[in-house]
Amino acid sequence: MNIKQYVKKPIIIHALEYTSDNLDDVYKFVGDKAYTSNGNLFIKTLEGDHRASIGDYIIKGIKGEFYPCKPDIFRMTYDEA
């Protein structure tokens, strides 16, 4: 087996932290890729709909796709540009 190591390419992404009072900003950022159901926010991703919790970051990927990311993973992966 020939396992190699890889480093993630440095790319700039756009992201918005979802808080209890910025749902309008989330809709402006994500557009029709976000909706609420039973008080929960969902993001339509390439892998299906994912629930976003307060404190999660909503990320716009390099191909224009959106997805939620837990804050601890976000902080380990990204620095503010």
PDB file of N, CA and C in Angstrom:
ATOM      1  N   MET A   1       0.852  -1.180   0.000  1.00  0.00           N
ATOM      2  CA  MET A   1       0.000   0.000   0.000  1.00  0.00           C
ATOM      3  C   MET A   1       0.893   1.237   0.000  1.00  0.00           C
ATOM      4  N   ASN A   2       0.563   2.197  -0.850  1.00  0.00           N
ATOM      5  CA  ASN A   2       1.370   3.396  -0.990  1.00  0.00           C
ATOM      6  C   ASN A   2       0.564   4.610  -0.509  1.00  0.00           C
ATOM      7  N   ILE A   3       0.525   4.817   0.796  1.00  0.00           N
ATOM      8  CA  ILE A   3      -0.223   5.930   1.381  1.00  0.00           C
ATOM      9  C   ILE A   3       0.668   7.166   1.386  1.00  0.00           C
ATOM     10  N   LYS A   4       0.124   8.259   0.890  1.00  0.00           N
ATOM     11  CA  LYS A   4       0.863   9.518   0.819  1.00  0.00           C
ATOM     12  C   LYS A   4       0.213  10.548   1.723  1.00  0.00           C
ATOM     13  N   GLN A   5       0.948  11.588   2.019  1.00  0.00           N
ATOM     14  CA  GLN A   5       0.409  12.706   2.783  1.00  0.00           C
ATOM     15  C   GLN A   5       0.093  13.847   1.829  1.00  0.00           C
ATOM     16  N   TYR A   6      -0.970  14.591   2.143  1.00  0.00           N
ATOM     17  CA  TYR A   6      -1.373  15.723   1.321  1.00  0.00           C
ATOM     18  C   TYR A   6      -1.666  16.917   2.214  1.00  0.00           C
ATOM     19  N   VAL A   7      -1.438  18.106   1.678  1.00  0.00           N
ATOM     20  CA  VAL A   7      -1.733  19.350   2.374  1.00  0.00           C
ATOM     21  C   VAL A   7      -2.862  20.033   1.626  1.00  0.00           C
ATOM     22  N   LYS A   8      -3.854  20.511   2.362  1.00  0.00           N
ATOM     23  CA  LYS A   8      -4.970  21.214   1.753  1.00  0.00           C
ATOM     24  C   LYS A   8      -4.462  22.497   1.087  1.00  0.00           C
ATOM     25  N   LYS A   9      -4.897  22.741  -0.137  1.00  0.00           N
ATOM     26  CA  LYS A   9      -4.500  23.950  -0.855  1.00  0.00           C
ATOM     27  C   LYS A   9      -5.073  25.178  -0.151  1.00  0.00           C
ATOM     28  N   PRO A  10      -4.285  26.231  -0.076  1.00  0.00           N
ATOM     29  CA  PRO A  10      -4.800  27.443   0.565  1.00  0.00           C
ATOM     30  C   PRO A  10      -5.801  28.151  -0.360  1.00  0.00           C
ATOM     31  N   ILE A  11      -7.047  28.171   0.059  1.00  0.00           N
ATOM     32  CA  ILE A  11      -8.088  28.869  -0.692  1.00  0.00           C
ATOM     33  C   ILE A  11      -8.822  29.799   0.255  1.00  0.00           C
ATOM     34  N   ILE A  12      -9.371  30.848  -0.283  1.00  0.00           N
ATOM     35  CA  ILE A  12     -10.181  31.773   0.517  1.00  0.00           C
ATOM     36  C   ILE A  12     -11.635  31.398   0.322  1.00  0.00           C
ATOM     37  N   ILE A  13     -12.334  31.210   1.433  1.00  0.00           N
ATOM     38  CA  ILE A  13     -13.759  30.891   1.384  1.00  0.00           C
ATOM     39  C   ILE A  13     -14.532  32.040   2.038  1.00  0.00           C
ATOM     40  N   HIS A  14     -15.810  32.097   1.788  1.00  0.00           N
ATOM     41  CA  HIS A  14     -16.691  33.033   2.469  1.00  0.00           C
ATOM     42  C   HIS A  14     -17.524  32.239   3.452  1.00  0.00           C
ATOM     43  N   ALA A  15     -17.690  32.776   4.656  1.00  0.00           N
ATOM     44  CA  ALA A  15     -18.442  32.075   5.684  1.00  0.00           C
ATOM     45  C   ALA A  15     -19.149  33.082   6.577  1.00  0.00           C
ATOM     46  N   LEU A  16     -20.217  32.615   7.188  1.00  0.00           N
ATOM     47  CA  LEU A  16     -21.017  33.434   8.093  1.00  0.00           C
ATOM     48  C   LEU A  16     -21.368  32.587   9.300  1.00  0.00           C
ATOM     49  N   GLU A  17     -21.095  33.098  10.510  1.00  0.00           N
ATOM     50  CA  GLU A  17     -21.491  32.364  11.705  1.00  0.00           C
ATOM     51  C   GLU A  17     -22.983  32.554  11.928  1.00  0.00           C
ATOM     52  N   TYR A  18     -23.695  31.453  12.115  1.00  0.00           N
ATOM     53  CA  TYR A  18     -25.134  31.491  12.368  1.00  0.00           C
ATOM     54  C   TYR A  18     -25.354  31.738  13.853  1.00  0.00           C
ATOM     55  N   THR A  19     -25.996  32.852  14.162  1.00  0.00           N
ATOM     56  CA  THR A  19     -26.313  33.196  15.548  1.00  0.00           C
ATOM     57  C   THR A  19     -27.828  33.226  15.705  1.00  0.00           C
ATOM     58  N   SER A  20     -28.276  33.470  16.899  1.00  0.00           N
ATOM     59  CA  SER A  20     -29.720  33.474  17.145  1.00  0.00           C
ATOM     60  C   SER A  20     -30.424  34.685  16.540  1.00  0.00           C
ATOM     61  N   ASP A  21     -29.664  35.686  16.103  1.00  0.00           N
ATOM     62  CA  ASP A  21     -30.304  36.904  15.604  1.00  0.00           C
ATOM     63  C   ASP A  21     -29.872  37.322  14.200  1.00  0.00           C
ATOM     64  N   ASN A  22     -29.303  36.421  13.404  1.00  0.00           N
ATOM     65  CA  ASN A  22     -28.879  36.829  12.057  1.00  0.00           C
ATOM     66  C   ASN A  22     -29.449  35.946  10.947  1.00  0.00           C
ATOM     67  N   LEU A  23     -30.649  35.429  11.160  1.00  0.00           N
ATOM     68  CA  LEU A  23     -31.262  34.570  10.153  1.00  0.00           C
ATOM     69  C   LEU A  23     -31.447  35.307   8.830  1.00  0.00           C
ATOM     70  N   ASP A  24     -31.785  36.598   8.886  1.00  0.00           N
ATOM     71  CA  ASP A  24     -31.916  37.377   7.647  1.00  0.00           C
ATOM     72  C   ASP A  24     -30.590  37.419   6.881  1.00  0.00           C
ATOM     73  N   ASP A  25     -29.491  37.569   7.599  1.00  0.00           N
ATOM     74  CA  ASP A  25     -28.174  37.575   6.952  1.00  0.00           C
ATOM     75  C   ASP A  25     -27.866  36.214   6.316  1.00  0.00           C
ATOM     76  N   VAL A  26     -28.260  35.139   6.998  1.00  0.00           N
ATOM     77  CA  VAL A  26     -28.054  33.802   6.440  1.00  0.00           C
ATOM     78  C   VAL A  26     -28.803  33.676   5.121  1.00  0.00           C
ATOM     79  N   TYR A  27     -30.076  34.110   5.099  1.00  0.00           N
ATOM     80  CA  TYR A  27     -30.859  34.029   3.856  1.00  0.00           C
ATOM     81  C   TYR A  27     -30.261  34.887   2.750  1.00  0.00           C
ATOM     82  N   LYS A  28     -29.737  36.061   3.087  1.00  0.00           N
ATOM     83  CA  LYS A  28     -29.099  36.913   2.083  1.00  0.00           C
ATOM     84  C   LYS A  28     -27.839  36.246   1.523  1.00  0.00           C
ATOM     85  N   PHE A  29     -27.102  35.572   2.374  1.00  0.00           N
ATOM     86  CA  PHE A  29     -25.857  34.909   1.978  1.00  0.00           C
ATOM     87  C   PHE A  29     -26.123  33.647   1.159  1.00  0.00           C
ATOM     88  N   VAL A  30     -27.062  32.838   1.611  1.00  0.00           N
ATOM     89  CA  VAL A  30     -27.286  31.516   1.034  1.00  0.00           C
ATOM     90  C   VAL A  30     -28.393  31.503  -0.018  1.00  0.00           C
ATOM     91  N   GLY A  31     -29.319  32.435   0.068  1.00  0.00           N
ATOM     92  CA  GLY A  31     -30.430  32.472  -0.887  1.00  0.00           C
ATOM     93  C   GLY A  31     -31.370  31.301  -0.692  1.00  0.00           C
ATOM     94  N   ASP A  32     -31.773  30.695  -1.790  1.00  0.00           N
ATOM     95  CA  ASP A  32     -32.760  29.611  -1.719  1.00  0.00           C
ATOM     96  C   ASP A  32     -32.153  28.281  -1.268  1.00  0.00           C
ATOM     97  N   LYS A  33     -30.897  28.294  -0.847  1.00  0.00           N
ATOM     98  CA  LYS A  33     -30.257  27.074  -0.343  1.00  0.00           C
ATOM     99  C   LYS A  33     -30.488  26.887   1.157  1.00  0.00           C
ATOM    100  N   ALA A  34     -31.273  27.786   1.771  1.00  0.00           N
ATOM    101  CA  ALA A  34     -31.580  27.680   3.198  1.00  0.00           C
ATOM    102  C   ALA A  34     -33.080  27.728   3.392  1.00  0.00           C
ATOM    103  N   TYR A  35     -33.537  27.007   4.399  1.00  0.00           N
ATOM    104  CA  TYR A  35     -34.947  27.063   4.786  1.00  0.00           C
ATOM    105  C   TYR A  35     -35.071  26.652   6.246  1.00  0.00           C
ATOM    106  N   THR A  36     -36.186  27.027   6.861  1.00  0.00           N
ATOM    107  CA  THR A  36     -36.451  26.630   8.235  1.00  0.00           C
ATOM    108  C   THR A  36     -37.630  25.674   8.259  1.00  0.00           C
ATOM    109  N   SER A  37     -37.587  24.770   9.218  1.00  0.00           N
ATOM    110  CA  SER A  37     -38.661  23.810   9.434  1.00  0.00           C
ATOM    111  C   SER A  37     -38.696  23.476  10.913  1.00  0.00           C
ATOM    112  N   ASN A  38     -39.854  23.654  11.517  1.00  0.00           N
ATOM    113  CA  ASN A  38     -40.013  23.386  12.958  1.00  0.00           C
ATOM    114  C   ASN A  38     -38.974  24.111  13.801  1.00  0.00           C
ATOM    115  N   GLY A  39     -38.648  25.345  13.419  1.00  0.00           N
ATOM    116  CA  GLY A  39     -37.696  26.151  14.169  1.00  0.00           C
ATOM    117  C   GLY A  39     -36.232  25.823  13.917  1.00  0.00           C
ATOM    118  N   ASN A  40     -35.956  24.916  12.999  1.00  0.00           N
ATOM    119  CA  ASN A  40     -34.580  24.539  12.677  1.00  0.00           C
ATOM    120  C   ASN A  40     -34.181  25.106  11.320  1.00  0.00           C
ATOM    121  N   LEU A  41     -32.915  25.480  11.197  1.00  0.00           N
ATOM    122  CA  LEU A  41     -32.379  25.968   9.939  1.00  0.00           C
ATOM    123  C   LEU A  41     -31.740  24.806   9.194  1.00  0.00           C
ATOM    124  N   PHE A  42     -32.059  24.678   7.925  1.00  0.00           N
ATOM    125  CA  PHE A  42     -31.476  23.645   7.073  1.00  0.00           C
ATOM    126  C   PHE A  42     -30.784  24.292   5.886  1.00  0.00           C
ATOM    127  N   ILE A  43     -29.669  23.712   5.491  1.00  0.00           N
ATOM    128  CA  ILE A  43     -28.916  24.154   4.329  1.00  0.00           C
ATOM    129  C   ILE A  43     -28.959  23.025   3.303  1.00  0.00           C
ATOM    130  N   LYS A  44     -29.327  23.371   2.071  1.00  0.00           N
ATOM    131  CA  LYS A  44     -29.330  22.392   0.986  1.00  0.00           C
ATOM    132  C   LYS A  44     -27.895  22.250   0.493  1.00  0.00           C
ATOM    133  N   THR A  45     -27.308  21.082   0.723  1.00  0.00           N
ATOM    134  CA  THR A  45     -25.922  20.832   0.324  1.00  0.00           C
ATOM    135  C   THR A  45     -25.897  19.849  -0.838  1.00  0.00           C
ATOM    136  N   LEU A  46     -24.719  19.601  -1.372  1.00  0.00           N
ATOM    137  CA  LEU A  46     -24.567  18.628  -2.447  1.00  0.00           C
ATOM    138  C   LEU A  46     -24.881  17.214  -1.963  1.00  0.00           C
ATOM    139  N   GLU A  47     -24.793  16.980  -0.661  1.00  0.00           N
ATOM    140  CA  GLU A  47     -25.060  15.659  -0.094  1.00  0.00           C
ATOM    141  C   GLU A  47     -26.455  15.549   0.511  1.00  0.00           C
ATOM    142  N   GLY A  48     -27.295  16.548   0.300  1.00  0.00           N
ATOM    143  CA  GLY A  48     -28.630  16.553   0.894  1.00  0.00           C
ATOM    144  C   GLY A  48     -28.763  17.701   1.876  1.00  0.00           C
ATOM    145  N   ASP A  49     -29.892  17.769   2.538  1.00  0.00           N
ATOM    146  CA  ASP A  49     -30.161  18.860   3.469  1.00  0.00           C
ATOM    147  C   ASP A  49     -29.515  18.572   4.825  1.00  0.00           C
ATOM    148  N   HIS A  50     -28.810  19.585   5.361  1.00  0.00           N
ATOM    149  CA  HIS A  50     -28.143  19.451   6.648  1.00  0.00           C
ATOM    150  C   HIS A  50     -28.648  20.532   7.597  1.00  0.00           C
ATOM    151  N   ARG A  51     -28.914  20.138   8.831  1.00  0.00           N
ATOM    152  CA  ARG A  51     -29.366  21.099   9.833  1.00  0.00           C
ATOM    153  C   ARG A  51     -28.176  21.891  10.345  1.00  0.00           C
ATOM    154  N   ALA A  52     -28.356  23.197  10.461  1.00  0.00           N
ATOM    155  CA  ALA A  52     -27.333  24.076  11.021  1.00  0.00           C
ATOM    156  C   ALA A  52     -27.778  24.499  12.414  1.00  0.00           C
ATOM    157  N   SER A  53     -26.899  24.361  13.371  1.00  0.00           N
ATOM    158  CA  SER A  53     -27.176  24.769  14.741  1.00  0.00           C
ATOM    159  C   SER A  53     -26.623  26.166  14.969  1.00  0.00           C
ATOM    160  N   ILE A  54     -27.173  26.845  15.956  1.00  0.00           N
ATOM    161  CA  ILE A  54     -26.634  28.160  16.325  1.00  0.00           C
ATOM    162  C   ILE A  54     -25.174  27.970  16.728  1.00  0.00           C
ATOM    163  N   GLY A  55     -24.323  28.812  16.187  1.00  0.00           N
ATOM    164  CA  GLY A  55     -22.887  28.715  16.412  1.00  0.00           C
ATOM    165  C   GLY A  55     -22.152  28.073  15.247  1.00  0.00           C
ATOM    166  N   ASP A  56     -22.875  27.330  14.406  1.00  0.00           N
ATOM    167  CA  ASP A  56     -22.256  26.746  13.217  1.00  0.00           C
ATOM    168  C   ASP A  56     -21.906  27.853  12.229  1.00  0.00           C
ATOM    169  N   TYR A  57     -20.921  27.578  11.402  1.00  0.00           N
ATOM    170  CA  TYR A  57     -20.570  28.479  10.314  1.00  0.00           C
ATOM    171  C   TYR A  57     -21.198  27.949   9.036  1.00  0.00           C
ATOM    172  N   ILE A  58     -21.761  28.842   8.255  1.00  0.00           N
ATOM    173  CA  ILE A  58     -22.275  28.491   6.940  1.00  0.00           C
ATOM    174  C   ILE A  58     -21.184  28.881   5.949  1.00  0.00           C
ATOM    175  N   ILE A  59     -20.683  27.903   5.210  1.00  0.00           N
ATOM    176  CA  ILE A  59     -19.549  28.101   4.311  1.00  0.00           C
ATOM    177  C   ILE A  59     -20.013  28.035   2.865  1.00  0.00           C
ATOM    178  N   LYS A  60     -19.483  28.952   2.062  1.00  0.00           N
ATOM    179  CA  LYS A  60     -19.676  28.890   0.615  1.00  0.00           C
ATOM    180  C   LYS A  60     -18.416  28.267   0.033  1.00  0.00           C
ATOM    181  N   GLY A  61     -18.560  27.113  -0.588  1.00  0.00           N
ATOM    182  CA  GLY A  61     -17.426  26.388  -1.136  1.00  0.00           C
ATOM    183  C   GLY A  61     -16.915  26.981  -2.430  1.00  0.00           C
ATOM    184  N   ILE A  62     -15.862  26.399  -2.954  1.00  0.00           N
ATOM    185  CA  ILE A  62     -15.185  26.947  -4.129  1.00  0.00           C
ATOM    186  C   ILE A  62     -16.003  26.806  -5.408  1.00  0.00           C
ATOM    187  N   LYS A  63     -17.030  25.966  -5.393  1.00  0.00           N
ATOM    188  CA  LYS A  63     -17.900  25.827  -6.559  1.00  0.00           C
ATOM    189  C   LYS A  63     -19.260  26.488  -6.330  1.00  0.00           C
ATOM    190  N   GLY A  64     -19.360  27.308  -5.282  1.00  0.00           N
ATOM    191  CA  GLY A  64     -20.600  28.015  -5.000  1.00  0.00           C
ATOM    192  C   GLY A  64     -21.580  27.240  -4.147  1.00  0.00           C
ATOM    193  N   GLU A  65     -21.190  26.059  -3.697  1.00  0.00           N
ATOM    194  CA  GLU A  65     -22.056  25.251  -2.852  1.00  0.00           C
ATOM    195  C   GLU A  65     -22.000  25.757  -1.405  1.00  0.00           C
ATOM    196  N   PHE A  66     -23.025  25.469  -0.628  1.00  0.00           N
ATOM    197  CA  PHE A  66     -23.089  25.888   0.764  1.00  0.00           C
ATOM    198  C   PHE A  66     -23.182  24.665   1.662  1.00  0.00           C
ATOM    199  N   TYR A  67     -22.640  24.809   2.858  1.00  0.00           N
ATOM    200  CA  TYR A  67     -22.776  23.745   3.846  1.00  0.00           C
ATOM    201  C   TYR A  67     -22.451  24.290   5.232  1.00  0.00           C
ATOM    202  N   PRO A  68     -23.071  23.701   6.277  1.00  0.00           N
ATOM    203  CA  PRO A  68     -22.759  24.122   7.641  1.00  0.00           C
ATOM    204  C   PRO A  68     -21.512  23.406   8.151  1.00  0.00           C
ATOM    205  N   CYS A  69     -20.824  24.052   9.081  1.00  0.00           N
ATOM    206  CA  CYS A  69     -19.613  23.492   9.669  1.00  0.00           C
ATOM    207  C   CYS A  69     -19.623  23.802  11.161  1.00  0.00           C
ATOM    208  N   LYS A  70     -19.353  22.803  11.982  1.00  0.00           N
ATOM    209  CA  LYS A  70     -19.298  22.999  13.433  1.00  0.00           C
ATOM    210  C   LYS A  70     -18.178  23.971  13.777  1.00  0.00           C
ATOM    211  N   PRO A  71     -18.389  24.814  14.806  1.00  0.00           N
ATOM    212  CA  PRO A  71     -17.419  25.872  15.105  1.00  0.00           C
ATOM    213  C   PRO A  71     -16.023  25.356  15.458  1.00  0.00           C
ATOM    214  N   ASP A  72     -15.917  24.223  16.150  1.00  0.00           N
ATOM    215  CA  ASP A  72     -14.580  23.730  16.501  1.00  0.00           C
ATOM    216  C   ASP A  72     -13.814  23.278  15.262  1.00  0.00           C
ATOM    217  N   ILE A  73     -14.487  22.621  14.348  1.00  0.00           N
ATOM    218  CA  ILE A  73     -13.849  22.203  13.088  1.00  0.00           C
ATOM    219  C   ILE A  73     -13.485  23.434  12.254  1.00  0.00           C
ATOM    220  N   PHE A  74     -14.382  24.412  12.214  1.00  0.00           N
ATOM    221  CA  PHE A  74     -14.122  25.633  11.450  1.00  0.00           C
ATOM    222  C   PHE A  74     -12.866  26.323  11.965  1.00  0.00           C
ATOM    223  N   ARG A  75     -12.760  26.483  13.290  1.00  0.00           N
ATOM    224  CA  ARG A  75     -11.600  27.186  13.860  1.00  0.00           C
ATOM    225  C   ARG A  75     -10.301  26.409  13.661  1.00  0.00           C
ATOM    226  N   MET A  76     -10.368  25.066  13.612  1.00  0.00           N
ATOM    227  CA  MET A  76      -9.161  24.278  13.363  1.00  0.00           C
ATOM    228  C   MET A  76      -8.734  24.331  11.892  1.00  0.00           C
ATOM    229  N   THR A  77      -9.674  24.633  11.005  1.00  0.00           N
ATOM    230  CA  THR A  77      -9.415  24.566   9.570  1.00  0.00           C
ATOM    231  C   THR A  77      -9.133  25.921   8.952  1.00  0.00           C
ATOM    232  N   TYR A  78      -9.775  26.976   9.461  1.00  0.00           N
ATOM    233  CA  TYR A  78      -9.706  28.283   8.806  1.00  0.00           C
ATOM    234  C   TYR A  78      -9.201  29.366   9.755  1.00  0.00           C
ATOM    235  N   ASP A  79      -8.475  30.324   9.195  1.00  0.00           N
ATOM    236  CA  ASP A  79      -8.096  31.568   9.853  1.00  0.00           C
ATOM    237  C   ASP A  79      -8.728  32.707   9.068  1.00  0.00           C
ATOM    238  N   GLU A  80      -9.058  33.793   9.755  1.00  0.00           N
ATOM    239  CA  GLU A  80      -9.614  34.942   9.056  1.00  0.00           C
ATOM    240  C   GLU A  80      -8.571  35.552   8.143  1.00  0.00           C
ATOM    241  N   ALA A  81      -8.967  35.869   6.920  1.00  0.00           N
ATOM    242  CA  ALA A  81      -8.038  36.432   5.927  1.00  0.00           C
ATOM    243  C   ALA A  81      -7.874  37.934   6.145  1.00  0.00           C
TER     244      ALA A  81
END
